[in-house]
């Protein structure tokens, strides 16, 4: 098991990339090579974004993650505290 496969979410993503490549490339050695090249390309893209001179280009992933977390939190609070309780909760029978 590689380091990436030991991490639950990231390992699952890269295993999926390998599986997708294996569907299109017949030779397993070539499939692993192509999958590793794709992972390196993604890695270089993220490094280029982080090293950018523009603030938004380097931080857009974190901003999107925060927006999703806030959205999920607000949705949970709204569902939990603002939905009416069923009337069966108040019956004694």
Foldseek 3Di string as FASTA:
>chain_A
DDPQCVDPPRNVVLVVLLVVLCVVDPDSVVSVVVSVVVVVVVVVCLVCQCPDPDPCSNCVVVVVVVVVVVVVVVVVCCVPPVDDDDPVVVDPD
